[in-house]
Structures are given as C-alpha cells and as structure tokens.
PDB file of N, CA and C in Angstrom:
ATOM      1  N   MET A   1       8.871  10.561 -27.687  1.00  0.00           N
ATOM      2  CA  MET A   1      10.047  11.128 -28.329  1.00  0.00           C
ATOM      3  C   MET A   1      11.323  10.619 -27.656  1.00  0.00           C
ATOM      4  N   ARG A   2      11.282  10.565 -26.317  1.00  0.00           N
ATOM      5  CA  ARG A   2      12.452  10.104 -25.577  1.00  0.00           C
ATOM      6  C   ARG A   2      12.816   8.666 -25.960  1.00  0.00           C
ATOM      7  N   ASN A   3      11.805   7.802 -26.029  1.00  0.00           N
ATOM      8  CA  ASN A   3      12.056   6.410 -26.399  1.00  0.00           C
ATOM      9  C   ASN A   3      12.560   6.303 -27.839  1.00  0.00           C
ATOM     10  N   HIS A   4      12.047   7.142 -28.712  1.00  0.00           N
ATOM     11  CA  HIS A   4      12.480   7.145 -30.107  1.00  0.00           C
ATOM     12  C   HIS A   4      13.966   7.502 -30.201  1.00  0.00           C
ATOM     13  N   LEU A   5      14.365   8.565 -29.512  1.00  0.00           N
ATOM     14  CA  LEU A   5      15.757   9.010 -29.565  1.00  0.00           C
ATOM     15  C   LEU A   5      16.698   8.101 -28.770  1.00  0.00           C
ATOM     16  N   ALA A   6      16.176   7.451 -27.742  1.00  0.00           N
ATOM     17  CA  ALA A   6      17.016   6.562 -26.940  1.00  0.00           C
ATOM     18  C   ALA A   6      17.116   5.172 -27.568  1.00  0.00           C
ATOM     19  N   GLU A   7      16.412   4.956 -28.656  1.00  0.00           N
ATOM     20  CA  GLU A   7      16.367   3.667 -29.341  1.00  0.00           C
ATOM     21  C   GLU A   7      15.849   2.566 -28.427  1.00  0.00           C
ATOM     22  N   VAL A   8      14.816   2.901 -27.641  1.00  0.00           N
ATOM     23  CA  VAL A   8      14.177   1.928 -26.762  1.00  0.00           C
ATOM     24  C   VAL A   8      13.028   1.294 -27.528  1.00  0.00           C
ATOM     25  N   ALA A   9      13.040  -0.026 -27.593  1.00  0.00           N
ATOM     26  CA  ALA A   9      11.972  -0.735 -28.296  1.00  0.00           C
ATOM     27  C   ALA A   9      10.692  -0.637 -27.476  1.00  0.00           C
ATOM     28  N   GLY A  10       9.579  -0.631 -28.164  1.00  0.00           N
ATOM     29  CA  GLY A  10       8.302  -0.548 -27.459  1.00  0.00           C
ATOM     30  C   GLY A  10       7.242   0.029 -28.347  1.00  0.00           C
ATOM     31  N   ASP A  11       6.617   1.112 -27.888  1.00  0.00           N
ATOM     32  CA  ASP A  11       5.507   1.723 -28.607  1.00  0.00           C
ATOM     33  C   ASP A  11       5.948   2.533 -29.822  1.00  0.00           C
ATOM     34  N   VAL A  12       7.205   2.871 -29.914  1.00  0.00           N
ATOM     35  CA  VAL A  12       7.686   3.722 -31.005  1.00  0.00           C
ATOM     36  C   VAL A  12       8.776   3.007 -31.796  1.00  0.00           C
ATOM     37  N   VAL A  13       9.017   3.521 -32.981  1.00  0.00           N
ATOM     38  CA  VAL A  13      10.094   3.001 -33.824  1.00  0.00           C
ATOM     39  C   VAL A  13      11.396   3.663 -33.389  1.00  0.00           C
ATOM     40  N   SER A  14      12.435   2.855 -33.214  1.00  0.00           N
ATOM     41  CA  SER A  14      13.725   3.391 -32.802  1.00  0.00           C
ATOM     42  C   SER A  14      14.363   4.206 -33.913  1.00  0.00           C
ATOM     43  N   CYS A  15      15.042   5.266 -33.537  1.00  0.00           N
ATOM     44  CA  CYS A  15      15.738   6.117 -34.491  1.00  0.00           C
ATOM     45  C   CYS A  15      17.185   5.631 -34.611  1.00  0.00           C
ATOM     46  N   ASN A  16      17.550   5.209 -35.807  1.00  0.00           N
ATOM     47  CA  ASN A  16      18.914   4.710 -35.989  1.00  0.00           C
ATOM     48  C   ASN A  16      19.868   5.798 -36.478  1.00  0.00           C
ATOM     49  N   LYS A  17      19.393   7.037 -36.590  1.00  0.00           N
ATOM     50  CA  LYS A  17      20.231   8.142 -37.065  1.00  0.00           C
ATOM     51  C   LYS A  17      20.655   9.077 -35.938  1.00  0.00           C
ATOM     52  N   VAL A  18      20.267   8.779 -34.732  1.00  0.00           N
ATOM     53  CA  VAL A  18      20.577   9.660 -33.619  1.00  0.00           C
ATOM     54  C   VAL A  18      22.041   9.443 -33.187  1.00  0.00           C
ATOM     55  N   PRO A  19      22.754  10.532 -32.876  1.00  0.00           N
ATOM     56  CA  PRO A  19      24.130  10.377 -32.400  1.00  0.00           C
ATOM     57  C   PRO A  19      24.172   9.659 -31.047  1.00  0.00           C
ATOM     58  N   ARG A  20      25.282   9.014 -30.792  1.00  0.00           N
ATOM     59  CA  ARG A  20      25.438   8.221 -29.574  1.00  0.00           C
ATOM     60  C   ARG A  20      25.252   9.070 -28.311  1.00  0.00           C
ATOM     61  N   PHE A  21      25.789  10.286 -28.282  1.00  0.00           N
ATOM     62  CA  PHE A  21      25.686  11.110 -27.076  1.00  0.00           C
ATOM     63  C   PHE A  21      24.234  11.503 -26.794  1.00  0.00           C
ATOM     64  N   VAL A  22      23.430  11.704 -27.846  1.00  0.00           N
ATOM     65  CA  VAL A  22      22.015  12.024 -27.656  1.00  0.00           C
ATOM     66  C   VAL A  22      21.291  10.813 -27.078  1.00  0.00           C
ATOM     67  N   ARG A  23      21.608   9.643 -27.625  1.00  0.00           N
ATOM     68  CA  ARG A  23      21.005   8.402 -27.122  1.00  0.00           C
ATOM     69  C   ARG A  23      21.314   8.225 -25.638  1.00  0.00           C
ATOM     70  N   GLU A  24      22.559   8.452 -25.242  1.00  0.00           N
ATOM     71  CA  GLU A  24      22.945   8.304 -23.837  1.00  0.00           C
ATOM     72  C   GLU A  24      22.239   9.311 -22.941  1.00  0.00           C
ATOM     73  N   ILE A  25      22.071  10.537 -23.428  1.00  0.00           N
ATOM     74  CA  ILE A  25      21.352  11.559 -22.664  1.00  0.00           C
ATOM     75  C   ILE A  25      19.898  11.144 -22.466  1.00  0.00           C
ATOM     76  N   MET A  26      19.269  10.654 -23.519  1.00  0.00           N
ATOM     77  CA  MET A  26      17.865  10.242 -23.441  1.00  0.00           C
ATOM     78  C   MET A  26      17.691   9.034 -22.516  1.00  0.00           C
ATOM     79  N   LEU A  27      18.621   8.095 -22.569  1.00  0.00           N
ATOM     80  CA  LEU A  27      18.561   6.941 -21.665  1.00  0.00           C
ATOM     81  C   LEU A  27      18.735   7.381 -20.211  1.00  0.00           C
ATOM     82  N   ALA A  28      19.655   8.314 -19.980  1.00  0.00           N
ATOM     83  CA  ALA A  28      19.879   8.818 -18.624  1.00  0.00           C
ATOM     84  C   ALA A  28      18.634   9.540 -18.100  1.00  0.00           C
ATOM     85  N   GLU A  29      17.978  10.312 -18.960  1.00  0.00           N
ATOM     86  CA  GLU A  29      16.752  11.007 -18.565  1.00  0.00           C
ATOM     87  C   GLU A  29      15.657  10.009 -18.213  1.00  0.00           C
ATOM     88  N   GLN A  30      15.582   8.936 -18.977  1.00  0.00           N
ATOM     89  CA  GLN A  30      14.573   7.916 -18.719  1.00  0.00           C
ATOM     90  C   GLN A  30      14.824   7.243 -17.363  1.00  0.00           C
ATOM     91  N   VAL A  31      16.069   6.921 -17.078  1.00  0.00           N
ATOM     92  CA  VAL A  31      16.427   6.307 -15.796  1.00  0.00           C
ATOM     93  C   VAL A  31      16.147   7.278 -14.659  1.00  0.00           C
ATOM     94  N   LYS A  32      16.502   8.540 -14.848  1.00  0.00           N
ATOM     95  CA  LYS A  32      16.276   9.549 -13.806  1.00  0.00           C
ATOM     96  C   LYS A  32      14.783   9.684 -13.507  1.00  0.00           C
ATOM     97  N   GLY A  33      13.962   9.645 -14.543  1.00  0.00           N
ATOM     98  CA  GLY A  33      12.514   9.724 -14.355  1.00  0.00           C
ATOM     99  C   GLY A  33      11.976   8.542 -13.574  1.00  0.00           C
ATOM    100  N   LYS A  34      12.469   7.342 -13.875  1.00  0.00           N
ATOM    101  CA  LYS A  34      12.016   6.152 -13.158  1.00  0.00           C
ATOM    102  C   LYS A  34      12.440   6.201 -11.690  1.00  0.00           C
ATOM    103  N   LEU A  35      13.667   6.650 -11.438  1.00  0.00           N
ATOM    104  CA  LEU A  35      14.141   6.765 -10.053  1.00  0.00           C
ATOM    105  C   LEU A  35      13.326   7.793  -9.283  1.00  0.00           C
ATOM    106  N   ASN A  36      12.981   8.896  -9.940  1.00  0.00           N
ATOM    107  CA  ASN A  36      12.183   9.934  -9.309  1.00  0.00           C
ATOM    108  C   ASN A  36      10.810   9.388  -8.936  1.00  0.00           C
ATOM    109  N   LYS A  37      10.200   8.604  -9.828  1.00  0.00           N
ATOM    110  CA  LYS A  37       8.900   8.010  -9.531  1.00  0.00           C
ATOM    111  C   LYS A  37       8.989   7.068  -8.341  1.00  0.00           C
ATOM    112  N   MET A  38      10.080   6.280  -8.270  1.00  0.00           N
ATOM    113  CA  MET A  38      10.249   5.363  -7.147  1.00  0.00           C
ATOM    114  C   MET A  38      10.423   6.138  -5.849  1.00  0.00           C
ATOM    115  N   ASP A  39      11.177   7.242  -5.882  1.00  0.00           N
ATOM    116  CA  ASP A  39      11.374   8.065  -4.689  1.00  0.00           C
ATOM    117  C   ASP A  39      10.054   8.649  -4.206  1.00  0.00           C
ATOM    118  N   ILE A  40       9.249   9.123  -5.140  1.00  0.00           N
ATOM    119  CA  ILE A  40       7.954   9.705  -4.793  1.00  0.00           C
ATOM    120  C   ILE A  40       7.060   8.646  -4.162  1.00  0.00           C
ATOM    121  N   LYS A  41       7.044   7.445  -4.749  1.00  0.00           N
ATOM    122  CA  LYS A  41       6.216   6.373  -4.221  1.00  0.00           C
ATOM    123  C   LYS A  41       6.682   5.970  -2.818  1.00  0.00           C
ATOM    124  N   GLU A  42       7.990   5.853  -2.634  1.00  0.00           N
ATOM    125  CA  GLU A  42       8.527   5.482  -1.329  1.00  0.00           C
ATOM    126  C   GLU A  42       8.188   6.538  -0.283  1.00  0.00           C
ATOM    127  N   HIS A  43       8.303   7.808  -0.651  1.00  0.00           N
ATOM    128  CA  HIS A  43       7.988   8.895   0.277  1.00  0.00           C
ATOM    129  C   HIS A  43       6.501   8.863   0.644  1.00  0.00           C
ATOM    130  N   ARG A  44       5.642   8.640  -0.344  1.00  0.00           N
ATOM    131  CA  ARG A  44       4.200   8.587  -0.093  1.00  0.00           C
ATOM    132  C   ARG A  44       3.864   7.448   0.881  1.00  0.00           C
ATOM    133  N   LEU A  45       4.481   6.276   0.677  1.00  0.00           N
ATOM    134  CA  LEU A  45       4.244   5.147   1.582  1.00  0.00           C
ATOM    135  C   LEU A  45       4.729   5.456   2.996  1.00  0.00           C
ATOM    136  N   PHE A  46       5.871   6.146   3.099  1.00  0.00           N
ATOM    137  CA  PHE A  46       6.391   6.536   4.403  1.00  0.00           C
ATOM    138  C   PHE A  46       5.418   7.464   5.116  1.00  0.00           C
ATOM    139  N   VAL A  47       4.892   8.443   4.388  1.00  0.00           N
ATOM    140  CA  VAL A  47       3.954   9.399   4.982  1.00  0.00           C
ATOM    141  C   VAL A  47       2.666   8.688   5.383  1.00  0.00           C
ATOM    142  N   GLN A  48       2.160   7.806   4.519  1.00  0.00           N
ATOM    143  CA  GLN A  48       0.946   7.070   4.853  1.00  0.00           C
ATOM    144  C   GLN A  48       1.137   6.224   6.104  1.00  0.00           C
ATOM    145  N   LYS A  49       2.279   5.560   6.193  1.00  0.00           N
ATOM    146  CA  LYS A  49       2.555   4.729   7.369  1.00  0.00           C
ATOM    147  C   LYS A  49       2.637   5.591   8.622  1.00  0.00           C
ATOM    148  N   ALA A  50       3.299   6.734   8.520  1.00  0.00           N
ATOM    149  CA  ALA A  50       3.414   7.629   9.678  1.00  0.00           C
ATOM    150  C   ALA A  50       2.048   8.138  10.117  1.00  0.00           C
ATOM    151  N   LEU A  51       1.206   8.486   9.155  1.00  0.00           N
ATOM    152  CA  LEU A  51      -0.141   8.958   9.487  1.00  0.00           C
ATOM    153  C   LEU A  51      -0.974   7.858  10.133  1.00  0.00           C
ATOM    154  N   MET A  52      -0.897   6.650   9.585  1.00  0.00           N
ATOM    155  CA  MET A  52      -1.643   5.527  10.157  1.00  0.00           C
ATOM    156  C   MET A  52      -1.155   5.233  11.574  1.00  0.00           C
ATOM    157  N   GLU A  53       0.144   5.266  11.755  1.00  0.00           N
ATOM    158  CA  GLU A  53       0.711   4.983  13.075  1.00  0.00           C
ATOM    159  C   GLU A  53       0.274   6.047  14.074  1.00  0.00           C
ATOM    160  N   GLU A  54       0.256   7.291  13.641  1.00  0.00           N
ATOM    161  CA  GLU A  54      -0.166   8.380  14.522  1.00  0.00           C
ATOM    162  C   GLU A  54      -1.642   8.268  14.869  1.00  0.00           C
ATOM    163  N   ALA A  55      -2.454   7.939  13.880  1.00  0.00           N
ATOM    164  CA  ALA A  55      -3.897   7.895  14.091  1.00  0.00           C
ATOM    165  C   ALA A  55      -4.338   6.638  14.841  1.00  0.00           C
ATOM    166  N   TYR A  56      -3.736   5.510  14.518  1.00  0.00           N
ATOM    167  CA  TYR A  56      -4.231   4.246  15.060  1.00  0.00           C
ATOM    168  C   TYR A  56      -3.194   3.476  15.868  1.00  0.00           C
ATOM    169  N   GLY A  57      -2.040   4.054  16.110  1.00  0.00           N
ATOM    170  CA  GLY A  57      -0.940   3.336  16.751  1.00  0.00           C
ATOM    171  C   GLY A  57      -1.315   2.623  18.029  1.00  0.00           C
ATOM    172  N   GLU A  58      -1.774   3.347  19.024  1.00  0.00           N
ATOM    173  CA  GLU A  58      -2.101   2.739  20.318  1.00  0.00           C
ATOM    174  C   GLU A  58      -3.301   1.813  20.216  1.00  0.00           C
ATOM    175  N   ALA A  59      -4.307   2.200  19.463  1.00  0.00           N
ATOM    176  CA  ALA A  59      -5.505   1.378  19.328  1.00  0.00           C
ATOM    177  C   ALA A  59      -5.182   0.062  18.633  1.00  0.00           C
ATOM    178  N   ARG A  60      -4.305   0.104  17.648  1.00  0.00           N
ATOM    179  CA  ARG A  60      -3.938  -1.118  16.934  1.00  0.00           C
ATOM    180  C   ARG A  60      -3.158  -2.049  17.852  1.00  0.00           C
ATOM    181  N   ARG A  61      -2.274  -1.516  18.657  1.00  0.00           N
ATOM    182  CA  ARG A  61      -1.479  -2.357  19.555  1.00  0.00           C
ATOM    183  C   ARG A  61      -2.369  -2.993  20.628  1.00  0.00           C
ATOM    184  N   ASP A  62      -3.397  -2.276  21.063  1.00  0.00           N
ATOM    185  CA  ASP A  62      -4.296  -2.807  22.084  1.00  0.00           C
ATOM    186  C   ASP A  62      -5.119  -3.976  21.569  1.00  0.00           C
ATOM    187  N   ASN A  63      -5.350  -4.035  20.268  1.00  0.00           N
ATOM    188  CA  ASN A  63      -6.183  -5.083  19.688  1.00  0.00           C
ATOM    189  C   ASN A  63      -5.406  -6.340  19.313  1.00  0.00           C
ATOM    190  N   ILE A  64      -4.108  -6.371  19.514  1.00  0.00           N
ATOM    191  CA  ILE A  64      -3.308  -7.535  19.147  1.00  0.00           C
ATOM    192  C   ILE A  64      -3.560  -8.644  20.175  1.00  0.00           C
ATOM    193  N   PRO A  65      -3.979  -9.823  19.704  1.00  0.00           N
ATOM    194  CA  PRO A  65      -4.223 -10.933  20.625  1.00  0.00           C
ATOM    195  C   PRO A  65      -2.927 -11.379  21.308  1.00  0.00           C
ATOM    196  N   SER A  66      -3.054 -11.983  22.460  1.00  0.00           N
ATOM    197  CA  SER A  66      -1.865 -12.419  23.200  1.00  0.00           C
ATOM    198  C   SER A  66      -1.389 -13.799  22.771  1.00  0.00           C
ATOM    199  N   ASP A  67      -2.282 -14.629  22.194  1.00  0.00           N
ATOM    200  CA  ASP A  67      -1.858 -15.962  21.761  1.00  0.00           C
ATOM    201  C   ASP A  67      -1.266 -15.913  20.351  1.00  0.00           C
ATOM    202  N   GLU A  68      -0.418 -16.885  20.044  1.00  0.00           N
ATOM    203  CA  GLU A  68       0.305 -16.888  18.763  1.00  0.00           C
ATOM    204  C   GLU A  68      -0.631 -17.039  17.567  1.00  0.00           C
ATOM    205  N   ASP A  69      -1.615 -17.930  17.643  1.00  0.00           N
ATOM    206  CA  ASP A  69      -2.561 -18.109  16.534  1.00  0.00           C
ATOM    207  C   ASP A  69      -3.350 -16.828  16.282  1.00  0.00           C
ATOM    208  N   GLY A  70      -3.766 -16.190  17.341  1.00  0.00           N
ATOM    209  CA  GLY A  70      -4.493 -14.932  17.212  1.00  0.00           C
ATOM    210  C   GLY A  70      -3.635 -13.846  16.593  1.00  0.00           C
ATOM    211  N   GLN A  71      -2.348 -13.810  16.948  1.00  0.00           N
ATOM    212  CA  GLN A  71      -1.431 -12.824  16.370  1.00  0.00           C
ATOM    213  C   GLN A  71      -1.238 -13.066  14.883  1.00  0.00           C
ATOM    214  N   LEU A  72      -1.133 -14.344  14.485  1.00  0.00           N
ATOM    215  CA  LEU A  72      -0.996 -14.654  13.055  1.00  0.00           C
ATOM    216  C   LEU A  72      -2.237 -14.233  12.279  1.00  0.00           C
ATOM    217  N   ARG A  73      -3.418 -14.540  12.809  1.00  0.00           N
ATOM    218  CA  ARG A  73      -4.666 -14.122  12.142  1.00  0.00           C
ATOM    219  C   ARG A  73      -4.739 -12.599  12.042  1.00  0.00           C
ATOM    220  N   TRP A  74      -4.368 -11.914  13.127  1.00  0.00           N
ATOM    221  CA  TRP A  74      -4.395 -10.456  13.141  1.00  0.00           C
ATOM    222  C   TRP A  74      -3.435  -9.884  12.102  1.00  0.00           C
ATOM    223  N   ALA A  75      -2.208 -10.453  12.030  1.00  0.00           N
ATOM    224  CA  ALA A  75      -1.207  -9.970  11.075  1.00  0.00           C
ATOM    225  C   ALA A  75      -1.671 -10.187   9.646  1.00  0.00           C
ATOM    226  N   LEU A  76      -2.278 -11.332   9.364  1.00  0.00           N
ATOM    227  CA  LEU A  76      -2.787 -11.585   8.008  1.00  0.00           C
ATOM    228  C   LEU A  76      -3.910 -10.612   7.663  1.00  0.00           C
ATOM    229  N   ARG A  77      -4.782 -10.343   8.623  1.00  0.00           N
ATOM    230  CA  ARG A  77      -5.889  -9.425   8.378  1.00  0.00           C
ATOM    231  C   ARG A  77      -5.377  -7.995   8.128  1.00  0.00           C
ATOM    232  N   GLU A  78      -4.332  -7.613   8.854  1.00  0.00           N
ATOM    233  CA  GLU A  78      -3.785  -6.259   8.725  1.00  0.00           C
ATOM    234  C   GLU A  78      -2.988  -6.046   7.441  1.00  0.00           C
ATOM    235  N   SER A  79      -2.455  -7.131   6.858  1.00  0.00           N
ATOM    236  CA  SER A  79      -1.602  -6.967   5.671  1.00  0.00           C
ATOM    237  C   SER A  79      -2.350  -6.901   4.398  1.00  0.00           C
TER     238      SER A  79
END
C-alpha cells in the first residue's frame, strides 16, 4: 500500500490520483523504515562484535603469528 501511494515503481501499480502531500508522507515513511532497519543491523553487529571480543579477545590475540605472512593468513582466515 505504501509503495502504491508513494508512486514507487516495483511490485505494485503506482497511484496517479494520490495528492502530493500523501505521496511525500509515504516516501518519508519508506525512508524512515529503511533507516531504522540499517540502525538495527548496525546495532546488532556492534553487539556481536562486543560479545566476540569479550569471549575470545585475549585468546584471539594470543594466536596471532608474529611474522607478516602469518598475520596476513590469520587475517584472511578471520574475515
């Protein structure tokens, strides 16, 4: 419904009878929803990283090789 009223092309047919202010409201809601999803994803990644660092922080640092080639292999394996 939001895409229909916002005249966004895609899965639905755009409504050409909707007033301009309604279209702008629907577009703003769509943008707000996308930003909210990005915020949630960013927060989840932050929490996951913090948990991993807490659980494996010291152990992971102890396993890092001292030579440059070993560090590159380790970094590739970890990513």
